[in-house]
Amino acid sequence: MAALTESELIERLCRTFNTQFSGNRNAMQSLATTIELSESLHPGLRGLNGKNFLSSFTDRMNVWHPDEVRVLVIDMMIHLVKEKITTDSSKQALSREIDGYLLPIKFW
């Protein structure tokens, strides 16, 4: 597979998350599964356990409103891109890009 640009990688991560979330309506499980399914997209994602990655955010997971869940998912994806994929993009730029690809988070 040819190397993906940062934008292509973010788009694929978001599309995978959207697909997972539309099937189970569990944002954290969807993000964990997205990480595990996306390990072939970038060397930094190989062998990364989604649930272990999410465990660093346990202090923030007590959110229930869809807008708060969306902010948390975006923050987690930013952390994933900054820590595991590495980027020179600012957090604000990543946030805007991720927000543009994510579908609305609705639980019903």
PDB file of N, CA and C in Angstrom:
ATOM      1  N   MET A   1       0.843  -1.171   0.000  1.00  0.00           N
ATOM      2  CA  MET A   1       0.000   0.000   0.000  1.00  0.00           C
ATOM      3  C   MET A   1       0.892   1.240   0.000  1.00  0.00           C
ATOM      4  N   ALA A   2       0.576   2.208  -0.825  1.00  0.00           N
ATOM      5  CA  ALA A   2       1.326   3.456  -0.865  1.00  0.00           C
ATOM      6  C   ALA A   2       1.099   4.225   0.429  1.00  0.00           C
ATOM      7  N   ALA A   3       2.102   4.994   0.807  1.00  0.00           N
ATOM      8  CA  ALA A   3       1.983   5.787   2.029  1.00  0.00           C
ATOM      9  C   ALA A   3       0.844   6.791   1.882  1.00  0.00           C
ATOM     10  N   LEU A   4       0.075   6.910   2.928  1.00  0.00           N
ATOM     11  CA  LEU A   4      -1.048   7.843   2.934  1.00  0.00           C
ATOM     12  C   LEU A   4      -0.585   9.202   3.435  1.00  0.00           C
ATOM     13  N   THR A   5      -1.191  10.245   2.922  1.00  0.00           N
ATOM     14  CA  THR A   5      -0.928  11.569   3.478  1.00  0.00           C
ATOM     15  C   THR A   5      -1.620  11.644   4.838  1.00  0.00           C
ATOM     16  N   GLU A   6      -1.242  12.634   5.612  1.00  0.00           N
ATOM     17  CA  GLU A   6      -1.872  12.812   6.917  1.00  0.00           C
ATOM     18  C   GLU A   6      -3.383  12.983   6.778  1.00  0.00           C
ATOM     19  N   SER A   7      -3.809  13.776   5.818  1.00  0.00           N
ATOM     20  CA  SER A   7      -5.249  13.995   5.619  1.00  0.00           C
ATOM     21  C   SER A   7      -5.968  12.715   5.224  1.00  0.00           C
ATOM     22  N   GLU A   8      -5.349  11.924   4.361  1.00  0.00           N
ATOM     23  CA  GLU A   8      -5.959  10.652   3.962  1.00  0.00           C
ATOM     24  C   GLU A   8      -6.063   9.707   5.153  1.00  0.00           C
ATOM     25  N   LEU A   9      -5.046   9.692   5.976  1.00  0.00           N
ATOM     26  CA  LEU A   9      -5.049   8.840   7.162  1.00  0.00           C
ATOM     27  C   LEU A   9      -6.144   9.262   8.135  1.00  0.00           C
ATOM     28  N   ILE A  10      -6.255  10.554   8.369  1.00  0.00           N
ATOM     29  CA  ILE A  10      -7.299  11.061   9.262  1.00  0.00           C
ATOM     30  C   ILE A  10      -8.680  10.740   8.695  1.00  0.00           C
ATOM     31  N   GLU A  11      -8.846  10.923   7.398  1.00  0.00           N
ATOM     32  CA  GLU A  11     -10.137  10.610   6.776  1.00  0.00           C
ATOM     33  C   GLU A  11     -10.482   9.133   6.956  1.00  0.00           C
ATOM     34  N   ARG A  12      -9.521   8.258   6.750  1.00  0.00           N
ATOM     35  CA  ARG A  12      -9.790   6.816   6.908  1.00  0.00           C
ATOM     36  C   ARG A  12     -10.111   6.459   8.351  1.00  0.00           C
ATOM     37  N   LEU A  13      -9.382   7.037   9.290  1.00  0.00           N
ATOM     38  CA  LEU A  13      -9.685   6.785  10.702  1.00  0.00           C
ATOM     39  C   LEU A  13     -11.110   7.230  11.022  1.00  0.00           C
ATOM     40  N   CYS A  14     -11.478   8.402  10.561  1.00  0.00           N
ATOM     41  CA  CYS A  14     -12.820   8.924  10.842  1.00  0.00           C
ATOM     42  C   CYS A  14     -13.906   8.098  10.154  1.00  0.00           C
ATOM     43  N   ARG A  15     -13.668   7.683   8.933  1.00  0.00           N
ATOM     44  CA  ARG A  15     -14.664   6.849   8.235  1.00  0.00           C
ATOM     45  C   ARG A  15     -14.846   5.509   8.944  1.00  0.00           C
ATOM     46  N   THR A  16     -13.731   4.942   9.394  1.00  0.00           N
ATOM     47  CA  THR A  16     -13.827   3.673  10.125  1.00  0.00           C
ATOM     48  C   THR A  16     -14.599   3.879  11.417  1.00  0.00           C
ATOM     49  N   PHE A  17     -14.297   4.962  12.141  1.00  0.00           N
ATOM     50  CA  PHE A  17     -15.036   5.257  13.370  1.00  0.00           C
ATOM     51  C   PHE A  17     -16.520   5.437  13.062  1.00  0.00           C
ATOM     52  N   ASN A  18     -16.843   6.217  12.038  1.00  0.00           N
ATOM     53  CA  ASN A  18     -18.251   6.451  11.682  1.00  0.00           C
ATOM     54  C   ASN A  18     -18.976   5.137  11.413  1.00  0.00           C
ATOM     55  N   THR A  19     -18.326   4.238  10.690  1.00  0.00           N
ATOM     56  CA  THR A  19     -18.923   2.935  10.374  1.00  0.00           C
ATOM     57  C   THR A  19     -19.131   2.121  11.643  1.00  0.00           C
ATOM     58  N   GLN A  20     -18.117   2.076  12.490  1.00  0.00           N
ATOM     59  CA  GLN A  20     -18.224   1.312  13.733  1.00  0.00           C
ATOM     60  C   GLN A  20     -19.310   1.887  14.635  1.00  0.00           C
ATOM     61  N   PHE A  21     -19.331   3.215  14.776  1.00  0.00           N
ATOM     62  CA  PHE A  21     -20.296   3.844  15.668  1.00  0.00           C
ATOM     63  C   PHE A  21     -21.721   3.677  15.156  1.00  0.00           C
ATOM     64  N   SER A  22     -21.909   3.746  13.856  1.00  0.00           N
ATOM     65  CA  SER A  22     -23.266   3.597  13.322  1.00  0.00           C
ATOM     66  C   SER A  22     -23.804   2.195  13.573  1.00  0.00           C
ATOM     67  N   GLY A  23     -22.905   1.237  13.776  1.00  0.00           N
ATOM     68  CA  GLY A  23     -23.334  -0.135  14.027  1.00  0.00           C
ATOM     69  C   GLY A  23     -23.600  -0.457  15.477  1.00  0.00           C
ATOM     70  N   ASN A  24     -22.909   0.236  16.406  1.00  0.00           N
ATOM     71  CA  ASN A  24     -23.086  -0.169  17.805  1.00  0.00           C
ATOM     72  C   ASN A  24     -23.411   0.963  18.778  1.00  0.00           C
ATOM     73  N   ARG A  25     -23.296   2.211  18.361  1.00  0.00           N
ATOM     74  CA  ARG A  25     -23.628   3.375  19.194  1.00  0.00           C
ATOM     75  C   ARG A  25     -22.821   3.457  20.492  1.00  0.00           C
ATOM     76  N   ASN A  26     -21.667   2.815  20.529  1.00  0.00           N
ATOM     77  CA  ASN A  26     -20.774   2.893  21.680  1.00  0.00           C
ATOM     78  C   ASN A  26     -19.495   3.576  21.204  1.00  0.00           C
ATOM     79  N   ALA A  27     -19.337   4.851  21.551  1.00  0.00           N
ATOM     80  CA  ALA A  27     -18.233   5.647  21.015  1.00  0.00           C
ATOM     81  C   ALA A  27     -16.871   5.096  21.411  1.00  0.00           C
ATOM     82  N   MET A  28     -16.708   4.683  22.656  1.00  0.00           N
ATOM     83  CA  MET A  28     -15.399   4.213  23.110  1.00  0.00           C
ATOM     84  C   MET A  28     -15.045   2.868  22.471  1.00  0.00           C
ATOM     85  N   GLN A  29     -16.006   1.970  22.387  1.00  0.00           N
ATOM     86  CA  GLN A  29     -15.753   0.691  21.720  1.00  0.00           C
ATOM     87  C   GLN A  29     -15.465   0.917  20.242  1.00  0.00           C
ATOM     88  N   SER A  30     -16.183   1.842  19.639  1.00  0.00           N
ATOM     89  CA  SER A  30     -15.964   2.152  18.224  1.00  0.00           C
ATOM     90  C   SER A  30     -14.566   2.701  17.990  1.00  0.00           C
ATOM     91  N   LEU A  31     -14.089   3.553  18.892  1.00  0.00           N
ATOM     92  CA  LEU A  31     -12.749   4.106  18.741  1.00  0.00           C
ATOM     93  C   LEU A  31     -11.684   3.037  18.962  1.00  0.00           C
ATOM     94  N   ALA A  32     -11.879   2.184  19.953  1.00  0.00           N
ATOM     95  CA  ALA A  32     -10.929   1.089  20.195  1.00  0.00           C
ATOM     96  C   ALA A  32     -10.853   0.172  18.975  1.00  0.00           C
ATOM     97  N   THR A  33     -11.996  -0.174  18.417  1.00  0.00           N
ATOM     98  CA  THR A  33     -12.032  -1.034  17.233  1.00  0.00           C
ATOM     99  C   THR A  33     -11.404  -0.331  16.036  1.00  0.00           C
ATOM    100  N   THR A  34     -11.661   0.959  15.887  1.00  0.00           N
ATOM    101  CA  THR A  34     -11.065   1.737  14.797  1.00  0.00           C
ATOM    102  C   THR A  34      -9.547   1.672  14.854  1.00  0.00           C
ATOM    103  N   ILE A  35      -8.988   1.848  16.037  1.00  0.00           N
ATOM    104  CA  ILE A  35      -7.532   1.803  16.201  1.00  0.00           C
ATOM    105  C   ILE A  35      -7.003   0.439  15.794  1.00  0.00           C
ATOM    106  N   GLU A  36      -7.658  -0.605  16.253  1.00  0.00           N
ATOM    107  CA  GLU A  36      -7.192  -1.958  15.955  1.00  0.00           C
ATOM    108  C   GLU A  36      -7.351  -2.309  14.475  1.00  0.00           C
ATOM    109  N   LEU A  37      -8.415  -1.849  13.839  1.00  0.00           N
ATOM    110  CA  LEU A  37      -8.634  -2.139  12.418  1.00  0.00           C
ATOM    111  C   LEU A  37      -7.716  -1.319  11.509  1.00  0.00           C
ATOM    112  N   SER A  38      -7.153  -0.249  12.036  1.00  0.00           N
ATOM    113  CA  SER A  38      -6.372   0.675  11.215  1.00  0.00           C
ATOM    114  C   SER A  38      -4.871   0.480  11.339  1.00  0.00           C
ATOM    115  N   GLU A  39      -4.443  -0.617  11.939  1.00  0.00           N
ATOM    116  CA  GLU A  39      -3.008  -0.773  12.178  1.00  0.00           C
ATOM    117  C   GLU A  39      -2.186  -0.872  10.898  1.00  0.00           C
ATOM    118  N   SER A  40      -2.802  -1.236   9.791  1.00  0.00           N
ATOM    119  CA  SER A  40      -2.051  -1.333   8.535  1.00  0.00           C
ATOM    120  C   SER A  40      -1.907   0.015   7.822  1.00  0.00           C
ATOM    121  N   LEU A  41      -2.554   1.048   8.337  1.00  0.00           N
ATOM    122  CA  LEU A  41      -2.512   2.350   7.672  1.00  0.00           C
ATOM    123  C   LEU A  41      -1.217   3.112   7.911  1.00  0.00           C
ATOM    124  N   HIS A  42      -0.570   2.866   9.051  1.00  0.00           N
ATOM    125  CA  HIS A  42       0.643   3.611   9.408  1.00  0.00           C
ATOM    126  C   HIS A  42       1.459   2.775  10.384  1.00  0.00           C
ATOM    127  N   PRO A  43       2.788   2.790  10.258  1.00  0.00           N
ATOM    128  CA  PRO A  43       3.619   1.996  11.182  1.00  0.00           C
ATOM    129  C   PRO A  43       3.396   2.338  12.658  1.00  0.00           C
ATOM    130  N   GLY A  44       3.055   3.572  12.964  1.00  0.00           N
ATOM    131  CA  GLY A  44       2.818   3.972  14.347  1.00  0.00           C
ATOM    132  C   GLY A  44       1.584   3.338  14.971  1.00  0.00           C
ATOM    133  N   LEU A  45       0.704   2.792  14.139  1.00  0.00           N
ATOM    134  CA  LEU A  45      -0.522   2.167  14.642  1.00  0.00           C
ATOM    135  C   LEU A  45      -0.389   0.656  14.792  1.00  0.00           C
ATOM    136  N   ARG A  46       0.717   0.091  14.321  1.00  0.00           N
ATOM    137  CA  ARG A  46       0.891  -1.361  14.380  1.00  0.00           C
ATOM    138  C   ARG A  46       1.033  -1.835  15.819  1.00  0.00           C
ATOM    139  N   GLY A  47       0.279  -2.861  16.141  1.00  0.00           N
ATOM    140  CA  GLY A  47       0.362  -3.467  17.462  1.00  0.00           C
ATOM    141  C   GLY A  47      -0.232  -2.624  18.573  1.00  0.00           C
ATOM    142  N   LEU A  48      -0.904  -1.552  18.223  1.00  0.00           N
ATOM    143  CA  LEU A  48      -1.503  -0.676  19.226  1.00  0.00           C
ATOM    144  C   LEU A  48      -2.836  -1.266  19.664  1.00  0.00           C
ATOM    145  N   ASN A  49      -2.973  -1.521  20.936  1.00  0.00           N
ATOM    146  CA  ASN A  49      -4.213  -2.051  21.483  1.00  0.00           C
ATOM    147  C   ASN A  49      -5.155  -0.882  21.751  1.00  0.00           C
ATOM    148  N   GLY A  50      -6.295  -0.891  21.102  1.00  0.00           N
ATOM    149  CA  GLY A  50      -7.240   0.210  21.231  1.00  0.00           C
ATOM    150  C   GLY A  50      -7.687   0.466  22.653  1.00  0.00           C
ATOM    151  N   LYS A  51      -8.007  -0.591  23.384  1.00  0.00           N
ATOM    152  CA  LYS A  51      -8.481  -0.411  24.763  1.00  0.00           C
ATOM    153  C   LYS A  51      -7.376   0.123  25.661  1.00  0.00           C
ATOM    154  N   ASN A  52      -6.145  -0.329  25.444  1.00  0.00           N
ATOM    155  CA  ASN A  52      -5.033   0.204  26.231  1.00  0.00           C
ATOM    156  C   ASN A  52      -4.814   1.680  25.932  1.00  0.00           C
ATOM    157  N   PHE A  53      -4.931   2.051  24.666  1.00  0.00           N
ATOM    158  CA  PHE A  53      -4.785   3.457  24.288  1.00  0.00           C
ATOM    159  C   PHE A  53      -5.852   4.300  24.990  1.00  0.00           C
ATOM    160  N   LEU A  54      -7.081   3.825  24.987  1.00  0.00           N
ATOM    161  CA  LEU A  54      -8.180   4.579  25.597  1.00  0.00           C
ATOM    162  C   LEU A  54      -8.050   4.677  27.112  1.00  0.00           C
ATOM    163  N   SER A  55      -7.349   3.741  27.724  1.00  0.00           N
ATOM    164  CA  SER A  55      -7.240   3.744  29.184  1.00  0.00           C
ATOM    165  C   SER A  55      -6.563   5.002  29.712  1.00  0.00           C
ATOM    166  N   SER A  56      -5.782   5.681  28.890  1.00  0.00           N
ATOM    167  CA  SER A  56      -5.151   6.922  29.349  1.00  0.00           C
ATOM    168  C   SER A  56      -6.153   8.072  29.437  1.00  0.00           C
ATOM    169  N   PHE A  57      -7.376   7.849  29.000  1.00  0.00           N
ATOM    170  CA  PHE A  57      -8.418   8.869  29.039  1.00  0.00           C
ATOM    171  C   PHE A  57      -9.533   8.538  30.035  1.00  0.00           C
ATOM    172  N   THR A  58      -9.330   7.562  30.900  1.00  0.00           N
ATOM    173  CA  THR A  58     -10.414   7.129  31.790  1.00  0.00           C
ATOM    174  C   THR A  58     -10.937   8.253  32.675  1.00  0.00           C
ATOM    175  N   ASP A  59     -10.093   9.198  33.029  1.00  0.00           N
ATOM    176  CA  ASP A  59     -10.549  10.296  33.879  1.00  0.00           C
ATOM    177  C   ASP A  59     -11.514  11.236  33.160  1.00  0.00           C
ATOM    178  N   ARG A  60     -11.612  11.130  31.843  1.00  0.00           N
ATOM    179  CA  ARG A  60     -12.499  12.001  31.061  1.00  0.00           C
ATOM    180  C   ARG A  60     -13.700  11.269  30.486  1.00  0.00           C
ATOM    181  N   MET A  61     -13.844   9.995  30.770  1.00  0.00           N
ATOM    182  CA  MET A  61     -14.878   9.199  30.099  1.00  0.00           C
ATOM    183  C   MET A  61     -16.260   9.259  30.741  1.00  0.00           C
ATOM    184  N   ASN A  62     -16.433  10.053  31.741  1.00  0.00           N
ATOM    185  CA  ASN A  62     -17.737  10.145  32.382  1.00  0.00           C
ATOM    186  C   ASN A  62     -18.560  11.264  31.731  1.00  0.00           C
ATOM    187  N   VAL A  63     -18.756  11.152  30.433  1.00  0.00           N
ATOM    188  CA  VAL A  63     -19.553  12.126  29.686  1.00  0.00           C
ATOM    189  C   VAL A  63     -20.706  11.393  29.014  1.00  0.00           C
ATOM    190  N   TRP A  64     -21.831  12.083  28.887  1.00  0.00           N
ATOM    191  CA  TRP A  64     -23.024  11.432  28.343  1.00  0.00           C
ATOM    192  C   TRP A  64     -23.666  12.218  27.218  1.00  0.00           C
ATOM    193  N   HIS A  65     -23.488  13.518  27.219  1.00  0.00           N
ATOM    194  CA  HIS A  65     -24.108  14.334  26.179  1.00  0.00           C
ATOM    195  C   HIS A  65     -23.352  14.119  24.865  1.00  0.00           C
ATOM    196  N   PRO A  66     -24.074  13.952  23.753  1.00  0.00           N
ATOM    197  CA  PRO A  66     -23.411  13.694  22.470  1.00  0.00           C
ATOM    198  C   PRO A  66     -22.323  14.716  22.105  1.00  0.00           C
ATOM    199  N   ASP A  67     -22.539  15.991  22.423  1.00  0.00           N
ATOM    200  CA  ASP A  67     -21.519  17.003  22.111  1.00  0.00           C
ATOM    201  C   ASP A  67     -20.243  16.775  22.918  1.00  0.00           C
ATOM    202  N   GLU A  68     -20.403  16.373  24.184  1.00  0.00           N
ATOM    203  CA  GLU A  68     -19.234  16.094  25.024  1.00  0.00           C
ATOM    204  C   GLU A  68     -18.507  14.841  24.548  1.00  0.00           C
ATOM    205  N   VAL A  69     -19.264  13.840  24.135  1.00  0.00           N
ATOM    206  CA  VAL A  69     -18.661  12.610  23.613  1.00  0.00           C
ATOM    207  C   VAL A  69     -17.885  12.935  22.340  1.00  0.00           C
ATOM    208  N   ARG A  70     -18.441  13.771  21.493  1.00  0.00           N
ATOM    209  CA  ARG A  70     -17.765  14.160  20.250  1.00  0.00           C
ATOM    210  C   ARG A  70     -16.437  14.860  20.551  1.00  0.00           C
ATOM    211  N   VAL A  71     -16.446  15.786  21.502  1.00  0.00           N
ATOM    212  CA  VAL A  71     -15.215  16.484  21.889  1.00  0.00           C
ATOM    213  C   VAL A  71     -14.182  15.483  22.390  1.00  0.00           C
ATOM    214  N   LEU A  72     -14.612  14.530  23.196  1.00  0.00           N
ATOM    215  CA  LEU A  72     -13.699  13.515  23.718  1.00  0.00           C
ATOM    216  C   LEU A  72     -13.132  12.655  22.591  1.00  0.00           C
ATOM    217  N   VAL A  73     -13.963  12.224  21.666  1.00  0.00           N
ATOM    218  CA  VAL A  73     -13.494  11.413  20.531  1.00  0.00           C
ATOM    219  C   VAL A  73     -12.485  12.211  19.703  1.00  0.00           C
ATOM    220  N   ILE A  74     -12.775  13.470  19.445  1.00  0.00           N
ATOM    221  CA  ILE A  74     -11.839  14.307  18.685  1.00  0.00           C
ATOM    222  C   ILE A  74     -10.523  14.440  19.435  1.00  0.00           C
ATOM    223  N   ASP A  75     -10.581  14.692  20.745  1.00  0.00           N
ATOM    224  CA  ASP A  75      -9.353  14.804  21.544  1.00  0.00           C
ATOM    225  C   ASP A  75      -8.542  13.516  21.509  1.00  0.00           C
ATOM    226  N   MET A  76      -9.223  12.383  21.577  1.00  0.00           N
ATOM    227  CA  MET A  76      -8.524  11.097  21.531  1.00  0.00           C
ATOM    228  C   MET A  76      -7.868  10.880  20.172  1.00  0.00           C
ATOM    229  N   MET A  77      -8.569  11.254  19.112  1.00  0.00           N
ATOM    230  CA  MET A  77      -7.985  11.100  17.777  1.00  0.00           C
ATOM    231  C   MET A  77      -6.793  12.039  17.591  1.00  0.00           C
ATOM    232  N   ILE A  78      -6.892  13.255  18.119  1.00  0.00           N
ATOM    233  CA  ILE A  78      -5.757  14.184  18.058  1.00  0.00           C
ATOM    234  C   ILE A  78      -4.562  13.573  18.776  1.00  0.00           C
ATOM    235  N   HIS A  79      -4.795  13.041  19.956  1.00  0.00           N
ATOM    236  CA  HIS A  79      -3.718  12.405  20.723  1.00  0.00           C
ATOM    237  C   HIS A  79      -3.118  11.242  19.934  1.00  0.00           C
ATOM    238  N   LEU A  80      -3.960  10.450  19.320  1.00  0.00           N
ATOM    239  CA  LEU A  80      -3.496   9.325  18.512  1.00  0.00           C
ATOM    240  C   LEU A  80      -2.595   9.811  17.375  1.00  0.00           C
ATOM    241  N   VAL A  81      -3.038  10.828  16.661  1.00  0.00           N
ATOM    242  CA  VAL A  81      -2.261  11.345  15.531  1.00  0.00           C
ATOM    243  C   VAL A  81      -0.960  11.980  16.014  1.00  0.00           C
ATOM    244  N   LYS A  82      -1.021  12.771  17.079  1.00  0.00           N
ATOM    245  CA  LYS A  82       0.177  13.458  17.580  1.00  0.00           C
ATOM    246  C   LYS A  82       1.188  12.481  18.173  1.00  0.00           C
ATOM    247  N   GLU A  83       0.727  11.481  18.915  1.00  0.00           N
ATOM    248  CA  GLU A  83       1.629  10.581  19.632  1.00  0.00           C
ATOM    249  C   GLU A  83       2.086   9.383  18.811  1.00  0.00           C
ATOM    250  N   LYS A  84       1.225   8.835  17.999  1.00  0.00           N
ATOM    251  CA  LYS A  84       1.538   7.582  17.308  1.00  0.00           C
ATOM    252  C   LYS A  84       1.880   7.767  15.835  1.00  0.00           C
ATOM    253  N   ILE A  85       1.365   8.795  15.232  1.00  0.00           N
ATOM    254  CA  ILE A  85       1.603   9.006  13.810  1.00  0.00           C
ATOM    255  C   ILE A  85       2.614  10.138  13.613  1.00  0.00           C
ATOM    256  N   THR A  86       2.652  11.047  14.525  1.00  0.00           N
ATOM    257  CA  THR A  86       3.492  12.255  14.524  1.00  0.00           C
ATOM    258  C   THR A  86       3.103  13.189  13.393  1.00  0.00           C
ATOM    259  N   THR A  87       2.984  14.425  13.744  1.00  0.00           N
ATOM    260  CA  THR A  87       2.555  15.437  12.793  1.00  0.00           C
ATOM    261  C   THR A  87       3.042  16.800  13.258  1.00  0.00           C
ATOM    262  N   ASP A  88       3.199  17.683  12.315  1.00  0.00           N
ATOM    263  CA  ASP A  88       3.532  19.067  12.638  1.00  0.00           C
ATOM    264  C   ASP A  88       2.277  19.927  12.689  1.00  0.00           C
ATOM    265  N   SER A  89       1.142  19.355  12.359  1.00  0.00           N
ATOM    266  CA  SER A  89      -0.115  20.099  12.384  1.00  0.00           C
ATOM    267  C   SER A  89      -0.462  20.486  13.812  1.00  0.00           C
ATOM    268  N   SER A  90      -1.065  21.645  13.952  1.00  0.00           N
ATOM    269  CA  SER A  90      -1.484  22.094  15.281  1.00  0.00           C
ATOM    270  C   SER A  90      -2.698  21.289  15.743  1.00  0.00           C
ATOM    271  N   LYS A  91      -2.926  21.304  17.035  1.00  0.00           N
ATOM    272  CA  LYS A  91      -4.104  20.617  17.573  1.00  0.00           C
ATOM    273  C   LYS A  91      -5.383  21.230  17.019  1.00  0.00           C
ATOM    274  N   GLN A  92      -5.384  22.549  16.838  1.00  0.00           N
ATOM    275  CA  GLN A  92      -6.568  23.220  16.302  1.00  0.00           C
ATOM    276  C   GLN A  92      -6.842  22.773  14.866  1.00  0.00           C
ATOM    277  N   ALA A  93      -5.792  22.668  14.062  1.00  0.00           N
ATOM    278  CA  ALA A  93      -5.971  22.230  12.671  1.00  0.00           C
ATOM    279  C   ALA A  93      -6.456  20.787  12.625  1.00  0.00           C
ATOM    280  N   LEU A  94      -5.878  19.933  13.466  1.00  0.00           N
ATOM    281  CA  LEU A  94      -6.321  18.539  13.521  1.00  0.00           C
ATOM    282  C   LEU A  94      -7.767  18.453  13.979  1.00  0.00           C
ATOM    283  N   SER A  95      -8.117  19.253  14.976  1.00  0.00           N
ATOM    284  CA  SER A  95      -9.485  19.249  15.491  1.00  0.00           C
ATOM    285  C   SER A  95     -10.478  19.625  14.397  1.00  0.00           C
ATOM    286  N   ARG A  96     -10.169  20.654  13.640  1.00  0.00           N
ATOM    287  CA  ARG A  96     -11.067  21.071  12.548  1.00  0.00           C
ATOM    288  C   ARG A  96     -11.196  19.977  11.496  1.00  0.00           C
ATOM    289  N   GLU A  97     -10.074  19.354  11.157  1.00  0.00           N
ATOM    290  CA  GLU A  97     -10.113  18.322  10.123  1.00  0.00           C
ATOM    291  C   GLU A  97     -10.906  17.104  10.589  1.00  0.00           C
ATOM    292  N   ILE A  98     -10.634  16.649  11.795  1.00  0.00           N
ATOM    293  CA  ILE A  98     -11.350  15.487  12.338  1.00  0.00           C
ATOM    294  C   ILE A  98     -12.836  15.802  12.470  1.00  0.00           C
ATOM    295  N   ASP A  99     -13.148  16.975  12.992  1.00  0.00           N
ATOM    296  CA  ASP A  99     -14.542  17.376  13.158  1.00  0.00           C
ATOM    297  C   ASP A  99     -15.272  17.384  11.815  1.00  0.00           C
ATOM    298  N   GLY A 100     -14.570  17.739  10.764  1.00  0.00           N
ATOM    299  CA  GLY A 100     -15.178  17.766   9.437  1.00  0.00           C
ATOM    300  C   GLY A 100     -15.512  16.386   8.887  1.00  0.00           C
ATOM    301  N   TYR A 101     -14.767  15.379   9.313  1.00  0.00           N
ATOM    302  CA  TYR A 101     -14.996  14.015   8.816  1.00  0.00           C
ATOM    303  C   TYR A 101     -15.967  13.208   9.679  1.00  0.00           C
ATOM    304  N   LEU A 102     -16.060  13.531  10.958  1.00  0.00           N
ATOM    305  CA  LEU A 102     -16.932  12.749  11.836  1.00  0.00           C
ATOM    306  C   LEU A 102     -18.399  13.065  11.570  1.00  0.00           C
ATOM    307  N   LEU A 103     -19.195  12.021  11.536  1.00  0.00           N
ATOM    308  CA  LEU A 103     -20.640  12.205  11.456  1.00  0.00           C
ATOM    309  C   LEU A 103     -21.147  12.635  12.825  1.00  0.00           C
ATOM    310  N   PRO A 104     -22.336  13.217  12.899  1.00  0.00           N
ATOM    311  CA  PRO A 104     -22.883  13.587  14.205  1.00  0.00           C
ATOM    312  C   PRO A 104     -22.996  12.366  15.120  1.00  0.00           C
ATOM    313  N   ILE A 105     -22.706  12.580  16.389  1.00  0.00           N
ATOM    314  CA  ILE A 105     -22.822  11.498  17.365  1.00  0.00           C
ATOM    315  C   ILE A 105     -24.217  11.568  17.971  1.00  0.00           C
ATOM    316  N   LYS A 106     -25.014  10.567  17.642  1.00  0.00           N
ATOM    317  CA  LYS A 106     -26.386  10.476  18.151  1.00  0.00           C
ATOM    318  C   LYS A 106     -26.571   9.074  18.695  1.00  0.00           C
ATOM    319  N   PHE A 107     -27.175   8.992  19.849  1.00  0.00           N
ATOM    320  CA  PHE A 107     -27.346   7.693  20.498  1.00  0.00           C
ATOM    321  C   PHE A 107     -28.694   7.050  20.201  1.00  0.00           C
ATOM    322  N   TRP A 108     -29.571   7.739  19.541  1.00  0.00           N
ATOM    323  CA  TRP A 108     -30.879   7.176  19.207  1.00  0.00           C
ATOM    324  C   TRP A 108     -31.348   7.721  17.899  1.00  0.00           C
TER     325      TRP A 108
END
